[in-house]
Amino acid sequence: MFKHEKDIINYIVICINEFAKQCNMTSKEAYFYLRDFKGIEFLKENYEAEHTVSLDDAVEDLKQVCKNNGGGTK
């Protein structure tokens, strides 16, 4: 696995954990929620931009992406 791929995976894990914390969910619940409502896909596709913003901003972006894809705001 290339370093860049590891960086992306590590960033996604950090975002899942922060999303879980801010939304009062377990990490497992957050993972499934983000997977189901395209949050993880969003992070993969937009890593280059998203990893430059704060975690709070990344979580807000994830909330909006999930809402746009049928998720309820957690």
N, C-alpha and C. Protein backbone atom coordinates (compact mmCIF):
# COMPACT_ATOMS: atom_id res chain seq x y z
N MET A 1 0.85 -1.18 0.00
CA MET A 1 0.00 0.00 0.00
C MET A 1 0.90 1.24 0.00
N PHE A 2 0.55 2.20 -0.81
CA PHE A 2 1.34 3.42 -0.91
C PHE A 2 1.06 4.34 0.27
N LYS A 3 2.01 5.20 0.59
CA LYS A 3 1.87 6.12 1.71
C LYS A 3 0.63 6.99 1.55
N HIS A 4 0.38 7.47 0.35
CA HIS A 4 -0.79 8.33 0.12
C HIS A 4 -2.09 7.60 0.47
N GLU A 5 -2.18 6.33 0.12
CA GLU A 5 -3.37 5.55 0.45
C GLU A 5 -3.51 5.40 1.96
N LYS A 6 -2.40 5.19 2.66
CA LYS A 6 -2.44 5.08 4.12
C LYS A 6 -2.87 6.40 4.74
N ASP A 7 -2.40 7.51 4.18
CA ASP A 7 -2.80 8.83 4.67
C ASP A 7 -4.31 9.03 4.54
N ILE A 8 -4.86 8.62 3.42
CA ILE A 8 -6.30 8.75 3.19
C ILE A 8 -7.08 7.88 4.18
N ILE A 9 -6.64 6.65 4.36
CA ILE A 9 -7.31 5.75 5.30
C ILE A 9 -7.25 6.31 6.72
N ASN A 10 -6.08 6.78 7.13
CA ASN A 10 -5.94 7.35 8.47
C ASN A 10 -6.84 8.56 8.64
N TYR A 11 -6.93 9.40 7.63
CA TYR A 11 -7.79 10.58 7.69
C TYR A 11 -9.26 10.18 7.82
N ILE A 12 -9.67 9.19 7.05
CA ILE A 12 -11.07 8.74 7.11
C ILE A 12 -11.38 8.19 8.51
N VAL A 13 -10.48 7.43 9.08
CA VAL A 13 -10.68 6.89 10.43
C VAL A 13 -10.81 8.03 11.44
N ILE A 14 -9.96 9.03 11.34
CA ILE A 14 -10.03 10.18 12.24
C ILE A 14 -11.37 10.89 12.09
N CYS A 15 -11.81 11.08 10.86
CA CYS A 15 -13.09 11.75 10.61
C CYS A 15 -14.26 10.94 11.15
N ILE A 16 -14.24 9.63 10.97
CA ILE A 16 -15.31 8.78 11.50
C ILE A 16 -15.37 8.93 13.02
N ASN A 17 -14.23 8.87 13.67
CA ASN A 17 -14.20 8.98 15.13
C ASN A 17 -14.66 10.35 15.61
N GLU A 18 -14.27 11.40 14.92
CA GLU A 18 -14.70 12.74 15.31
C GLU A 18 -16.20 12.93 15.05
N PHE A 19 -16.68 12.40 13.93
CA PHE A 19 -18.11 12.45 13.63
C PHE A 19 -18.89 11.73 14.74
N ALA A 20 -18.41 10.56 15.12
CA ALA A 20 -19.06 9.78 16.18
C ALA A 20 -19.11 10.58 17.47
N LYS A 21 -18.00 11.18 17.83
CA LYS A 21 -17.91 11.96 19.06
C LYS A 21 -18.89 13.13 19.04
N GLN A 22 -18.90 13.89 17.95
CA GLN A 22 -19.75 15.07 17.87
C GLN A 22 -21.23 14.74 17.75
N CYS A 23 -21.54 13.54 17.25
CA CYS A 23 -22.94 13.14 17.04
C CYS A 23 -23.42 12.13 18.08
N ASN A 24 -22.64 11.93 19.13
CA ASN A 24 -23.00 11.01 20.20
C ASN A 24 -23.34 9.61 19.67
N MET A 25 -22.45 9.09 18.86
CA MET A 25 -22.60 7.75 18.30
C MET A 25 -21.36 6.94 18.64
N THR A 26 -21.46 5.64 18.47
CA THR A 26 -20.25 4.83 18.55
C THR A 26 -19.54 4.97 17.20
N SER A 27 -18.28 4.61 17.18
CA SER A 27 -17.53 4.65 15.93
C SER A 27 -18.15 3.72 14.89
N LYS A 28 -18.63 2.57 15.35
CA LYS A 28 -19.26 1.62 14.45
C LYS A 28 -20.54 2.21 13.84
N GLU A 29 -21.37 2.83 14.67
CA GLU A 29 -22.60 3.47 14.17
C GLU A 29 -22.26 4.57 13.17
N ALA A 30 -21.25 5.36 13.50
CA ALA A 30 -20.84 6.45 12.61
C ALA A 30 -20.35 5.90 11.27
N TYR A 31 -19.57 4.85 11.32
CA TYR A 31 -19.07 4.24 10.08
C TYR A 31 -20.23 3.83 9.18
N PHE A 32 -21.18 3.09 9.73
CA PHE A 32 -22.31 2.61 8.92
C PHE A 32 -23.15 3.77 8.40
N TYR A 33 -23.37 4.77 9.23
CA TYR A 33 -24.14 5.94 8.81
C TYR A 33 -23.43 6.65 7.66
N LEU A 34 -22.13 6.91 7.84
CA LEU A 34 -21.36 7.60 6.80
C LEU A 34 -21.25 6.76 5.53
N ARG A 35 -21.15 5.46 5.67
CA ARG A 35 -21.11 4.59 4.51
C ARG A 35 -22.44 4.63 3.76
N ASP A 36 -23.52 4.51 4.50
CA ASP A 36 -24.84 4.43 3.88
C ASP A 36 -25.25 5.72 3.18
N PHE A 37 -24.80 6.86 3.71
CA PHE A 37 -25.23 8.15 3.16
C PHE A 37 -24.10 8.90 2.45
N LYS A 38 -23.12 8.13 1.95
CA LYS A 38 -22.08 8.61 1.04
C LYS A 38 -21.03 9.53 1.67
N GLY A 39 -20.94 9.55 2.99
CA GLY A 39 -19.93 10.38 3.65
C GLY A 39 -18.52 9.87 3.42
N ILE A 40 -18.34 8.57 3.49
CA ILE A 40 -17.01 8.00 3.29
C ILE A 40 -16.58 8.17 1.84
N GLU A 41 -17.51 7.96 0.94
CA GLU A 41 -17.21 8.18 -0.49
C GLU A 41 -16.78 9.63 -0.72
N PHE A 42 -17.48 10.56 -0.07
CA PHE A 42 -17.14 11.98 -0.16
C PHE A 42 -15.72 12.24 0.33
N LEU A 43 -15.35 11.64 1.46
CA LEU A 43 -14.00 11.84 1.99
C LEU A 43 -12.94 11.29 1.05
N LYS A 44 -13.21 10.13 0.46
CA LYS A 44 -12.25 9.55 -0.49
C LYS A 44 -12.08 10.44 -1.70
N GLU A 45 -13.18 10.91 -2.26
CA GLU A 45 -13.14 11.70 -3.49
C GLU A 45 -12.60 13.11 -3.26
N ASN A 46 -12.72 13.62 -2.05
CA ASN A 46 -12.35 15.01 -1.78
C ASN A 46 -11.24 15.13 -0.75
N TYR A 47 -10.47 14.08 -0.59
CA TYR A 47 -9.40 14.07 0.42
C TYR A 47 -8.48 15.27 0.28
N GLU A 48 -8.06 15.57 -0.94
CA GLU A 48 -7.08 16.64 -1.15
C GLU A 48 -7.54 17.97 -0.56
N ALA A 49 -8.81 18.26 -0.65
CA ALA A 49 -9.34 19.52 -0.08
C ALA A 49 -9.72 19.34 1.39
N GLU A 50 -10.40 18.25 1.69
CA GLU A 50 -10.94 18.07 3.04
C GLU A 50 -9.86 17.97 4.12
N HIS A 51 -8.73 17.35 3.80
CA HIS A 51 -7.72 17.20 4.86
C HIS A 51 -7.03 18.52 5.20
N THR A 52 -7.35 19.57 4.46
CA THR A 52 -6.76 20.88 4.75
C THR A 52 -7.65 21.74 5.65
N VAL A 53 -8.88 21.29 5.91
CA VAL A 53 -9.79 22.05 6.78
C VAL A 53 -9.78 21.45 8.17
N SER A 54 -10.34 22.16 9.12
CA SER A 54 -10.40 21.65 10.49
C SER A 54 -11.31 20.43 10.57
N LEU A 55 -11.13 19.64 11.62
CA LEU A 55 -12.00 18.48 11.80
C LEU A 55 -13.45 18.91 12.01
N ASP A 56 -13.65 20.03 12.70
CA ASP A 56 -15.02 20.53 12.88
C ASP A 56 -15.66 20.84 11.53
N ASP A 57 -14.91 21.47 10.65
CA ASP A 57 -15.44 21.77 9.31
C ASP A 57 -15.67 20.49 8.52
N ALA A 58 -14.79 19.53 8.65
CA ALA A 58 -14.95 18.25 7.95
C ALA A 58 -16.21 17.54 8.42
N VAL A 59 -16.47 17.57 9.72
CA VAL A 59 -17.68 16.94 10.26
C VAL A 59 -18.92 17.67 9.75
N GLU A 60 -18.88 18.98 9.70
CA GLU A 60 -20.02 19.74 9.16
C GLU A 60 -20.25 19.39 7.70
N ASP A 61 -19.17 19.26 6.94
CA ASP A 61 -19.30 18.85 5.53
C ASP A 61 -19.92 17.46 5.44
N LEU A 62 -19.48 16.55 6.30
CA LEU A 62 -20.04 15.20 6.29
C LEU A 62 -21.53 15.21 6.62
N LYS A 63 -21.91 16.01 7.59
CA LYS A 63 -23.33 16.12 7.95
C LYS A 63 -24.15 16.58 6.75
N GLN A 64 -23.63 17.56 6.02
CA GLN A 64 -24.36 18.09 4.87
C GLN A 64 -24.43 17.08 3.74
N VAL A 65 -23.32 16.40 3.47
CA VAL A 65 -23.30 15.38 2.42
C VAL A 65 -24.31 14.28 2.75
N CYS A 66 -24.31 13.81 3.98
CA CYS A 66 -25.23 12.75 4.38
C CYS A 66 -26.67 13.23 4.30
N LYS A 67 -26.92 14.44 4.73
CA LYS A 67 -28.27 15.01 4.65
C LYS A 67 -28.72 15.06 3.18
N ASN A 68 -27.83 15.49 2.31
CA ASN A 68 -28.14 15.56 0.88
C ASN A 68 -28.43 14.19 0.27
N ASN A 69 -27.95 13.15 0.92
CA ASN A 69 -28.14 11.78 0.43
C ASN A 69 -29.16 11.00 1.25
N GLY A 70 -30.02 11.71 1.95
CA GLY A 70 -31.13 11.08 2.64
C GLY A 70 -30.93 10.79 4.12
N GLY A 71 -29.79 11.15 4.65
CA GLY A 71 -29.53 10.91 6.07
C GLY A 71 -30.16 12.00 6.92
N GLY A 72 -30.59 11.62 8.10
CA GLY A 72 -31.07 12.61 9.05
C GLY A 72 -29.89 13.19 9.79
N THR A 73 -29.99 14.43 10.16
CA THR A 73 -28.90 15.04 10.91
C THR A 73 -28.81 14.38 12.27
N LYS A 74 -27.65 13.85 12.54
CA LYS A 74 -27.43 13.15 13.81
C LYS A 74 -26.96 14.14 14.84
